[in-house]
Protein backbone atom coordinates (compact mmCIF):
# COMPACT_ATOMS: atom_id res chain seq x y z
CA MET A 1 85.65 75.18 151.62
CA ARG A 2 81.93 75.83 151.55
CA THR A 3 82.05 77.09 155.15
CA HIS A 4 85.01 79.37 154.43
CA ILE A 5 83.33 80.89 151.38
CA PHE A 6 80.13 81.43 153.38
CA LEU A 7 82.00 83.05 156.28
CA TRP A 8 84.07 85.34 154.07
CA PHE A 9 80.98 86.43 152.15
CA MET A 10 79.23 87.21 155.44
CA VAL A 11 82.29 89.14 156.64
CA PHE A 12 82.04 91.22 153.47
CA VAL A 13 78.32 91.84 154.05
CA CYS A 14 78.94 92.87 157.66
CA ALA A 15 81.80 95.17 156.64
CA VAL A 16 79.50 96.89 154.14
CA PHE A 17 76.85 97.46 156.82
CA ILE A 18 79.38 98.71 159.37
CA LEU A 19 80.74 101.17 156.83
CA LEU A 20 77.21 102.28 155.97
CA TRP A 21 76.28 102.81 159.63
CA VAL A 22 79.49 104.68 160.41
CA CYS A 23 79.14 107.01 157.44
CA GLN A 24 75.39 107.56 157.70
CA ILE A 25 75.03 107.81 161.49
CA LEU A 26 78.28 108.62 163.30
CA PHE A 27 79.93 110.92 160.78
CA LEU A 28 76.91 112.39 159.04
CA GLN A 29 77.16 115.71 160.94
CA ASN A 30 80.89 116.05 160.27
CA PHE A 31 80.41 115.18 156.62
CA TYR A 32 77.61 117.74 156.33
CA ASP A 33 79.72 120.45 157.98
CA ARG A 34 82.67 119.79 155.65
CA MET A 35 80.47 119.89 152.58
CA LYS A 36 78.88 123.20 153.69
CA THR A 37 82.34 124.66 154.34
CA LYS A 38 83.55 123.67 150.87
CA ASP A 39 80.40 125.12 149.33
CA ILE A 40 80.76 128.48 151.08
CA ILE A 41 84.46 128.73 150.15
CA ARG A 42 83.65 127.98 146.54
CA THR A 43 80.81 130.54 146.58
CA ALA A 44 83.07 133.18 148.13
CA ASP A 45 85.70 132.67 145.41
CA SER A 46 83.02 133.11 142.78
CA MET A 47 81.73 136.28 144.50
CA LEU A 48 85.20 137.83 144.55
CA GLU A 49 85.41 137.40 140.78
CA ILE A 50 81.97 138.97 140.36
CA TYR A 51 82.93 141.83 142.70
CA GLU A 52 85.81 142.77 140.40
CA THR A 53 83.29 143.61 137.65
CA GLY A 54 81.76 146.38 139.78
CA ARG A 55 78.20 145.21 139.14
CA TYR A 56 77.60 142.60 141.81
CA ALA A 57 74.50 143.56 143.77
CA GLU A 58 72.01 141.58 141.72
CA ALA A 59 74.28 138.53 141.50
CA PHE A 60 75.00 138.61 145.25
CA ASN A 61 71.29 138.75 146.09
CA ALA A 62 70.67 135.74 143.84
CA LEU A 63 73.53 133.81 145.48
CA ALA A 64 72.18 134.66 148.93
CA LEU A 65 68.78 133.16 148.13
CA GLU A 66 70.22 130.21 146.30
CA ASN A 67 72.61 129.24 149.12
CA ASP A 68 70.44 130.30 152.10
CA MET A 69 72.97 132.79 153.46
CA CYS A 70 73.46 136.42 154.38
CA ILE A 71 76.08 138.59 152.71
CA GLU A 72 77.88 141.66 154.04
CA VAL A 73 80.39 143.72 152.03
CA ARG A 74 82.38 146.46 153.80
CA ASP A 75 84.93 148.90 152.51
CA ARG A 76 88.47 149.35 153.78
CA TYR A 77 87.19 151.47 156.63
CA GLU A 78 84.80 148.69 157.63
CA ARG A 79 81.75 150.62 156.51
CA SER A 80 78.89 148.60 155.06
CA VAL A 81 78.55 149.03 151.28
CA PHE A 82 76.27 146.05 150.57
CA SER A 83 74.00 143.84 152.67
CA SER A 84 71.74 140.93 151.88
CA ARG A 85 69.94 140.01 155.10
CA GLU A 86 66.58 138.79 153.85
CA VAL A 87 67.38 135.11 154.37
CA LEU A 88 68.11 135.15 158.12
CA GLY A 89 66.63 138.52 159.05
CA ALA A 90 66.99 139.79 162.60
CA ASN A 91 68.54 136.53 163.73
CA CYS A 92 71.51 136.92 161.38
CA PHE A 93 74.88 136.71 163.09
CA LEU A 94 76.16 139.50 160.83
CA HIS A 95 73.11 141.78 160.78
CA GLY A 96 71.24 140.93 163.96
CA LEU A 97 70.87 142.94 167.15
CA ASN A 98 74.36 142.06 168.23
CA ASN A 99 76.20 142.79 165.01
CA HIS A 100 79.44 140.85 164.87
CA SER A 101 80.77 142.04 161.52
CA ARG A 102 83.39 144.39 162.94
CA GLN A 103 84.43 141.88 165.54
CA ILE A 104 84.96 139.23 162.86
CA ILE A 105 87.02 141.61 160.74
CA ASP A 106 89.15 142.87 163.64
CA ASP A 107 89.66 139.62 165.52
CA LEU A 108 89.77 137.10 162.72
CA VAL A 109 90.40 138.45 159.25
CA LEU A 110 92.98 141.15 159.98
CA LYS A 111 94.89 138.88 162.30
CA SER A 112 95.04 135.93 159.90
CA GLU A 113 98.07 135.41 157.69
CA ASN A 114 96.17 135.12 154.40
CA GLY A 115 93.24 137.40 155.17
CA VAL A 116 90.71 134.57 155.32
CA ALA A 117 88.76 133.23 158.32
CA TYR A 118 85.93 130.72 158.51
CA GLY A 119 84.45 128.23 160.93
CA LYS A 120 81.45 127.03 162.90
CA VAL A 121 80.16 129.23 165.72
CA LYS A 122 77.02 129.32 167.84
CA ASN A 123 74.55 132.12 167.20
CA PRO A 124 73.99 133.77 170.60
CA ILE A 125 70.49 134.79 169.58
CA THR A 126 69.10 131.48 168.39
CA GLN A 127 71.70 129.14 169.92
CA GLU A 128 72.00 127.50 166.51
CA ASP A 129 75.21 126.38 164.90
CA ILE A 130 76.14 128.67 162.03
CA LEU A 131 78.97 128.84 159.53
CA ILE A 132 80.72 132.13 158.89
CA TYR A 133 83.24 133.04 156.22
CA ALA A 134 85.16 136.32 155.98
CA CYS A 135 87.97 137.38 153.68
CA VAL A 136 89.86 140.42 152.52
CA ILE A 137 88.99 141.93 149.16
CA GLY A 138 92.33 142.70 147.56
CA SER A 139 95.55 142.00 149.46
CA PRO A 140 95.83 141.51 153.23
CA GLU A 141 98.50 144.24 153.38
CA ASP A 142 96.32 146.84 151.64
CA PRO A 143 92.70 145.63 151.68
CA GLU A 144 90.11 147.23 149.44
CA GLY A 145 87.29 145.87 151.57
CA PHE A 146 85.89 142.80 153.26
CA LEU A 147 83.45 140.06 152.26
CA LEU A 148 81.48 138.32 155.02
CA LEU A 149 79.13 135.37 154.63
CA ASN A 150 76.84 133.67 157.13
CA THR A 151 74.74 130.50 156.68
CA ARG A 152 72.88 128.06 158.88
CA LEU A 153 74.23 124.64 159.77
CA ALA A 154 71.12 122.53 160.00
CA PRO A 155 71.20 119.93 162.79
CA VAL A 156 71.07 116.40 161.43
CA SER A 157 70.05 114.65 164.64
CA SER A 158 66.47 114.25 163.46
CA THR A 159 67.70 113.01 160.12
CA VAL A 160 70.04 110.58 161.90
CA SER A 161 67.15 109.25 163.96
CA ILE A 162 65.12 108.62 160.83
CA LEU A 163 68.11 106.99 159.13
CA GLU A 164 68.74 104.77 162.14
CA ARG A 165 65.25 103.32 162.05
CA GLN A 166 65.42 102.94 158.31
CA LEU A 167 68.87 101.30 158.42
CA ILE A 168 67.74 98.83 161.09
CA ILE A 169 64.98 97.61 158.80
CA ILE A 170 67.26 97.58 155.76
CA THR A 171 70.02 95.81 157.70
CA VAL A 172 67.75 93.02 158.91
CA ILE A 173 66.34 92.45 155.43
CA LEU A 174 69.71 92.56 153.70
CA VAL A 175 71.38 90.32 156.31
CA LEU A 176 68.75 87.67 155.67
CA ILE A 177 69.22 88.09 151.92
CA GLY A 178 73.01 88.02 152.41
CA VAL A 179 72.82 84.78 154.38
CA ALA A 180 70.70 83.16 151.68
CA ILE A 181 72.96 84.41 148.87
CA SER A 182 76.12 83.42 150.80
CA PHE A 183 74.81 79.92 151.36
CA ALA A 184 73.76 79.51 147.71
CA VAL A 185 76.99 80.98 146.30
CA SER A 186 79.25 78.99 148.64
CA LYS A 187 77.41 75.80 147.81
CA ARG A 188 77.61 76.45 144.08
CA LEU A 189 81.28 77.44 144.16
CA ALA A 190 82.25 74.47 146.32
CA LYS A 191 80.24 71.91 144.36
CA PRO A 192 82.82 71.42 141.52
CA ILE A 193 85.64 71.01 144.05
CA VAL A 194 83.59 68.52 146.05
CA GLN A 195 82.86 66.58 142.86
CA VAL A 196 86.53 66.58 141.80
CA THR A 197 87.54 65.46 145.32
CA GLU A 198 85.07 62.58 145.25
CA ASP A 199 86.30 61.52 141.81
CA ALA A 200 89.92 61.83 142.94
CA GLN A 201 89.20 59.50 145.85
CA GLN A 202 87.99 56.90 143.37
CA LEU A 203 91.17 57.46 141.36
CA ALA A 204 93.23 56.94 144.52
CA HIS A 205 91.52 53.57 144.99
CA GLY A 206 92.59 52.34 141.57
CA ARG A 207 89.68 53.34 139.33
CA TYR A 208 91.61 54.90 136.46
CA ASP A 209 88.74 55.16 133.98
CA ILE A 210 87.00 57.87 136.00
CA ALA A 211 85.77 60.94 134.10
CA PHE A 212 86.11 64.04 136.29
CA ARG A 213 83.22 66.50 136.40
CA GLY A 214 83.90 70.24 136.26
CA GLY A 215 80.60 71.77 137.36
CA GLY A 216 80.22 74.50 134.74
CA TYR A 217 83.07 76.89 135.65
CA VAL A 218 85.93 77.40 133.21
CA GLU A 219 88.63 76.82 135.82
CA ALA A 220 86.87 73.78 137.24
CA GLU A 221 86.29 72.38 133.74
CA ARG A 222 89.99 72.78 132.93
CA LEU A 223 90.94 71.08 136.19
CA ALA A 224 88.53 68.24 135.44
CA GLU A 225 89.87 67.86 131.90
CA THR A 226 93.46 67.80 133.19
CA LEU A 227 92.66 65.22 135.84
CA THR A 228 90.70 63.11 133.35
CA TYR A 229 93.69 63.20 131.01
CA ALA A 230 96.02 62.35 133.91
CA SER A 231 93.83 59.41 134.97
CA GLY A 232 93.86 58.15 131.39
CA GLU A 233 97.64 58.40 131.25
CA ILE A 234 97.95 56.64 134.61
CA ASN A 235 95.63 53.92 133.33
CA ARG A 236 97.73 53.58 130.19
CA ILE A 237 101.02 53.44 132.12
CA ASP A 238 99.51 50.96 134.55
CA THR A 239 98.45 48.75 131.65
CA MET A 240 101.90 49.06 130.09
CA GLN A 241 103.58 48.19 133.36
CA ARG A 242 101.41 45.09 133.71
CA ASP A 243 102.31 44.19 130.14
CA LEU A 244 105.98 44.76 130.94
CA ILE A 245 105.78 42.47 133.96
CA ALA A 246 104.05 39.82 131.85
CA ASN A 247 106.51 40.19 128.96
CA ALA A 248 109.56 40.39 131.20
CA SER A 249 108.37 37.39 133.16
CA HIS A 250 107.96 35.46 129.93
CA ASP A 251 111.33 36.59 128.60
CA LEU A 252 113.04 35.77 131.88
CA ARG A 253 111.27 32.44 132.35
CA THR A 254 112.40 31.05 129.00
CA PRO A 255 116.17 31.54 129.45
CA LEU A 256 115.99 30.55 133.12
CA THR A 257 114.16 27.35 132.18
CA MET A 258 116.71 26.70 129.46
CA LEU A 259 119.60 27.32 131.84
CA LYS A 260 118.19 24.91 134.39
CA ALA A 261 117.34 22.27 131.80
CA TYR A 262 120.73 22.29 130.06
CA ALA A 263 122.59 22.43 133.37
CA GLU A 264 120.70 19.29 134.44
CA MET A 265 121.46 17.68 131.07
CA ILE A 266 125.16 18.35 131.53
CA ARG A 267 124.96 16.89 135.02
CA ASP A 268 122.93 13.83 134.10
CA LEU A 269 123.62 13.07 130.42
CA SER A 270 126.42 14.90 128.63
CA GLY A 271 128.98 15.40 131.37
CA ASP A 272 131.24 12.73 129.87
CA ASN A 273 130.49 13.59 126.22
CA PRO A 274 132.68 16.55 125.15
CA VAL A 275 130.64 17.30 122.01
CA LYS A 276 127.24 17.26 123.71
CA ARG A 277 128.62 19.08 126.72
CA ALA A 278 129.97 21.86 124.48
CA GLU A 279 126.58 22.21 122.74
CA HIS A 280 124.73 22.39 126.02
CA LEU A 281 127.21 24.89 127.45
CA GLN A 282 126.81 27.06 124.33
CA VAL A 283 123.04 27.14 124.89
CA ILE A 284 123.62 28.18 128.49
CA ILE A 285 125.96 30.95 127.33
CA GLU A 286 123.44 32.22 124.78
CA GLU A 287 120.59 32.25 127.28
CA THR A 288 122.80 34.05 129.77
CA ASP A 289 123.50 36.67 127.10
CA ARG A 290 119.75 37.11 126.62
CA LEU A 291 119.28 37.68 130.33
CA THR A 292 122.16 40.14 130.39
CA ALA A 293 120.73 42.08 127.43
CA LEU A 294 117.31 42.24 129.10
CA VAL A 295 118.70 43.58 132.37
CA ASN A 296 121.00 46.01 130.54
CA ASP A 297 118.05 47.46 128.61
CA ILE A 298 116.16 48.15 131.81
CA LEU A 299 119.20 49.68 133.52
CA ASP A 300 120.14 51.79 130.49
CA LEU A 301 116.65 53.26 130.19
CA SER A 302 116.60 54.03 133.90
CA LYS A 303 119.93 55.87 133.68
CA LEU A 304 118.87 57.77 130.57
CA GLU A 305 115.58 58.92 132.09
CA ASN A 306 117.22 59.90 135.38
CA GLY A 307 119.90 61.97 133.61
CA LYS A 308 122.71 59.87 135.08
CA MET A 309 124.15 58.77 131.74
CA THR A 310 126.68 61.03 130.01
CA LEU A 311 127.90 61.08 126.42
CA ASP A 312 131.41 60.01 125.39
CA ARG A 313 131.68 61.91 122.11
CA THR A 314 134.21 60.96 119.46
CA ALA A 315 134.61 61.81 115.79
CA PHE A 316 134.24 58.90 113.35
CA ASP A 317 132.94 57.96 109.91
CA MET A 318 129.26 57.05 110.27
CA GLU A 319 129.19 55.34 106.88
CA GLN A 320 131.94 52.92 107.89
CA ARG A 321 130.31 52.21 111.27
CA LEU A 322 126.94 51.60 109.58
CA ARG A 323 128.50 49.12 107.16
CA GLU A 324 130.05 47.21 110.06
CA ILE A 325 126.70 47.02 111.89
CA VAL A 326 124.79 45.81 108.81
CA ASP A 327 127.53 43.28 108.00
CA ARG A 328 127.10 41.74 111.46
CA TYR A 329 123.37 41.36 110.83
CA ARG A 330 124.00 39.89 107.39
CA GLY A 331 125.81 37.10 109.17
CA LEU A 332 122.39 36.05 110.49
CA SER A 333 120.84 35.86 107.04
CA THR A 334 121.78 32.23 106.42
CA VAL A 335 120.25 31.21 109.77
CA SER A 336 117.26 33.53 110.14
CA GLY A 337 116.42 34.20 106.51
CA TYR A 338 116.43 38.01 106.83
CA ASN A 339 117.70 40.13 103.94
CA PHE A 340 119.51 43.35 104.86
CA SER A 341 120.03 46.12 102.28
CA LEU A 342 122.30 49.11 102.90
CA GLU A 343 122.36 52.33 100.86
CA THR A 344 124.76 55.21 101.61
CA ASP A 345 125.97 58.28 99.72
CA GLY A 346 129.54 58.64 100.90
CA GLU A 347 131.67 59.42 103.92
CA ALA A 348 129.90 61.08 106.87
CA ILE A 349 132.08 62.36 109.73
CA VAL A 350 130.04 62.82 112.91
CA ASN A 351 130.85 63.67 116.52
CA CYS A 352 128.75 61.70 118.99
CA ASP A 353 128.75 58.76 121.38
CA ALA A 354 129.52 55.92 119.01
CA GLY A 355 128.40 53.16 121.35
CA LYS A 356 125.01 54.69 122.08
CA ILE A 357 124.32 55.56 118.43
CA GLU A 358 125.19 51.97 117.54
CA GLN A 359 122.70 50.86 120.19
CA VAL A 360 120.06 53.09 118.54
CA ILE A 361 120.67 51.55 115.12
CA CYS A 362 120.64 48.00 116.49
CA ASN A 363 117.38 48.63 118.34
CA LEU A 364 115.79 50.01 115.16
CA VAL A 365 117.01 47.02 113.13
CA ASN A 366 115.80 44.58 115.80
CA ASN A 367 112.42 46.31 115.76
CA ALA A 368 112.28 46.02 111.97
CA MET A 369 113.13 42.29 112.23
CA ASN A 370 110.18 41.81 114.59
CA TYR A 371 107.65 43.62 112.37
CA THR A 372 108.80 43.26 108.74
CA GLY A 373 106.73 41.36 106.19
CA GLU A 374 106.91 37.73 105.10
CA ASP A 375 109.69 38.66 102.65
CA LYS A 376 111.87 39.51 105.66
CA GLN A 377 113.31 42.52 103.88
CA ILE A 378 114.98 45.28 105.94
CA PHE A 379 116.36 48.44 104.32
CA VAL A 380 118.96 50.64 106.00
CA LYS A 381 119.80 53.98 104.39
CA MET A 382 122.13 56.90 105.11
CA ALA A 383 121.85 60.18 103.21
CA HIS A 384 123.32 63.69 103.45
CA THR A 385 120.57 66.30 103.82
CA ALA A 386 120.41 70.01 104.57
CA GLU A 387 119.52 69.18 108.19
CA GLY A 388 122.37 66.67 108.65
CA ILE A 389 123.10 62.97 108.23
CA ARG A 390 119.76 61.16 107.95
CA ILE A 391 119.73 57.45 108.87
CA SER A 392 116.59 55.39 108.35
CA VAL A 393 115.53 51.78 108.85
CA ARG A 394 112.55 50.56 106.82
CA ASP A 395 110.55 47.34 107.08
CA THR A 396 107.85 45.88 104.82
CA GLY A 397 105.35 45.06 107.55
CA LYS A 398 101.70 46.05 107.90
CA GLY A 399 102.48 49.58 109.06
CA MET A 400 100.81 51.50 111.87
CA ASP A 401 97.71 53.62 112.35
CA GLN A 402 97.80 57.13 113.86
CA GLU A 403 97.11 55.97 117.41
CA THR A 404 100.01 53.54 117.31
CA LEU A 405 102.29 56.17 115.75
CA SER A 406 101.56 58.57 118.61
CA ARG A 407 102.56 55.96 121.21
CA ILE A 408 105.20 53.87 119.49
CA PHE A 409 108.12 55.49 121.36
CA ASP A 410 106.39 55.18 124.74
CA LYS A 411 107.91 53.01 127.40
CA TYR A 412 106.55 49.43 127.55
CA TYR A 413 104.44 49.90 124.41
CA ARG A 414 104.18 47.20 121.77
CA SER A 415 102.12 47.40 118.62
CA GLU A 416 99.37 44.82 118.38
CA ASN A 417 99.90 44.51 114.63
CA TYR A 418 101.25 41.29 113.22
CA ARG A 419 104.70 40.40 114.42
CA ARG A 420 106.88 37.36 114.83
CA GLU A 421 108.13 36.16 118.19
CA VAL A 422 109.38 39.43 119.60
CA VAL A 423 112.70 39.54 121.39
CA GLY A 424 112.91 42.12 124.18
CA THR A 425 110.59 43.88 126.60
CA GLY A 426 109.21 46.75 124.56
CA LEU A 427 111.92 49.10 125.83
CA GLY A 428 114.01 49.28 122.66
CA LEU A 429 112.28 52.29 121.09
CA SER A 430 112.10 54.07 124.45
CA ILE A 431 115.88 53.72 124.70
CA VAL A 432 116.18 55.03 121.14
CA LYS A 433 114.12 58.12 122.07
CA ALA A 434 116.12 58.76 125.25
CA ILE A 435 119.52 58.46 123.52
CA LEU A 436 118.53 60.67 120.58
CA ARG A 437 117.12 63.31 122.91
CA LEU A 438 120.35 63.20 124.91
CA HIS A 439 122.20 63.94 121.64
CA ASP A 440 119.59 66.56 120.67
CA TYR A 441 118.91 64.76 117.36
CA ALA A 442 115.61 64.95 115.51
CA PHE A 443 113.85 61.61 115.07
CA GLY A 444 110.52 60.12 114.08
CA VAL A 445 108.66 57.44 112.20
CA ASP A 446 106.77 57.45 108.90
CA SER A 447 104.17 54.76 108.43
CA LYS A 448 100.86 53.97 106.81
CA VAL A 449 98.73 50.91 107.27
CA GLY A 450 99.71 48.34 104.65
CA GLU A 451 102.90 50.15 103.58
CA GLY A 452 105.45 49.27 106.25
CA SER A 453 107.27 51.68 108.59
CA THR A 454 110.39 53.81 108.35
CA PHE A 455 112.15 54.87 111.56
CA TRP A 456 114.65 57.70 111.10
CA PHE A 457 116.88 60.16 112.92
CA VAL A 458 119.09 63.03 111.79
CA MET A 459 122.65 63.42 113.14
CA HIS A 460 124.71 66.59 113.11
CA SER A 461 127.74 66.31 110.84
CA GLU A 462 131.19 67.18 112.15
CA ALA A 463 130.97 70.54 110.39
CA GLN A 464 127.63 71.31 112.07
CA SER A 465 128.91 70.24 115.48
């Protein structure tokens, strides 16, 4: 990159010098001739306006001196009525020994379509290049007279020679300066990219805590900030994935160990005892269910995130479904000691995927069971609001700080706050987020440290759908 910037900057410098040499040396004469032609045409137009006033002699003499030219005015019969020959004297193309005024009028002006003729000619007396201009006063069909102008075209060869020597010196000096500036600028511009590249190589080798350096430019600073944020997110996801592997390994090891142990017990001890065999088989069935639930969670989240899961919408009473779900959990109260409270405010007809919304509610309740306080109280509430049917699940645990709140729905994340033996892999709330987003339902969590947490989502009622 540094080399490319240096080369392009040098190309620009060379292009500037080439343009300067072409304009100042090769085309200087042509440029000078065009400028003189434009000046004499503009002067002639001004003189025609002055001529119309009838009092032009003094003004014409002043213009002759000012523009270094001779002036000849002739009437319609080509007789001289005004001459200003002081500038060029006897060497004047119009007033010299070989007077060409009539020839110009007859051969150029009268034969032109618009009554105007001008151009560069060589003065036969001095062999100098001169510029003449002649035009009709009045209309070409019925001329009142003729205006003729004559001015020198100074040769610029000597000027070009001086400019060449001067430009050689200037070019050498500026090329050296350009090389130095190009090198410094290319190095400075490339430095942030080089730094970011070096840092990115460290990131590629697994160093996720790298802080990218921008180098002082706004764009480079933004790139560095973005990459630093990305490396932090990669580090976080990597940590979560390691936690997932550890948690999943633990969760898988326990039921697998139980399955093996109870299968061996049936083989060695309880095979002939129907009661013991039934107990051991029940344990195997329960552990198998745990394994199935774990695998299903991982598969469901994968399908939801990949957009491969579709909704099977049906209309049903959410209040009735919520009562059925809470009643199933109340069946655990005598065994687990949890107390489930349900509060609703009447029938709520919704149109959604009943199975997935039930999964959302169960995941929220399971989460509350993991994190509620020692009183093991869990509160489920449904209320009609202006936005829709609001369902919330509240626990009485220690609550969460702002950092935890911002990450609680992230995949693999588990709060480090106090909790009992947690069932699952930390995917439950991620599945909740994915399902609710698929339904386009608003959701969130309200929590303060020491005050428990309330997870909620708002469903569209049948009327809103």
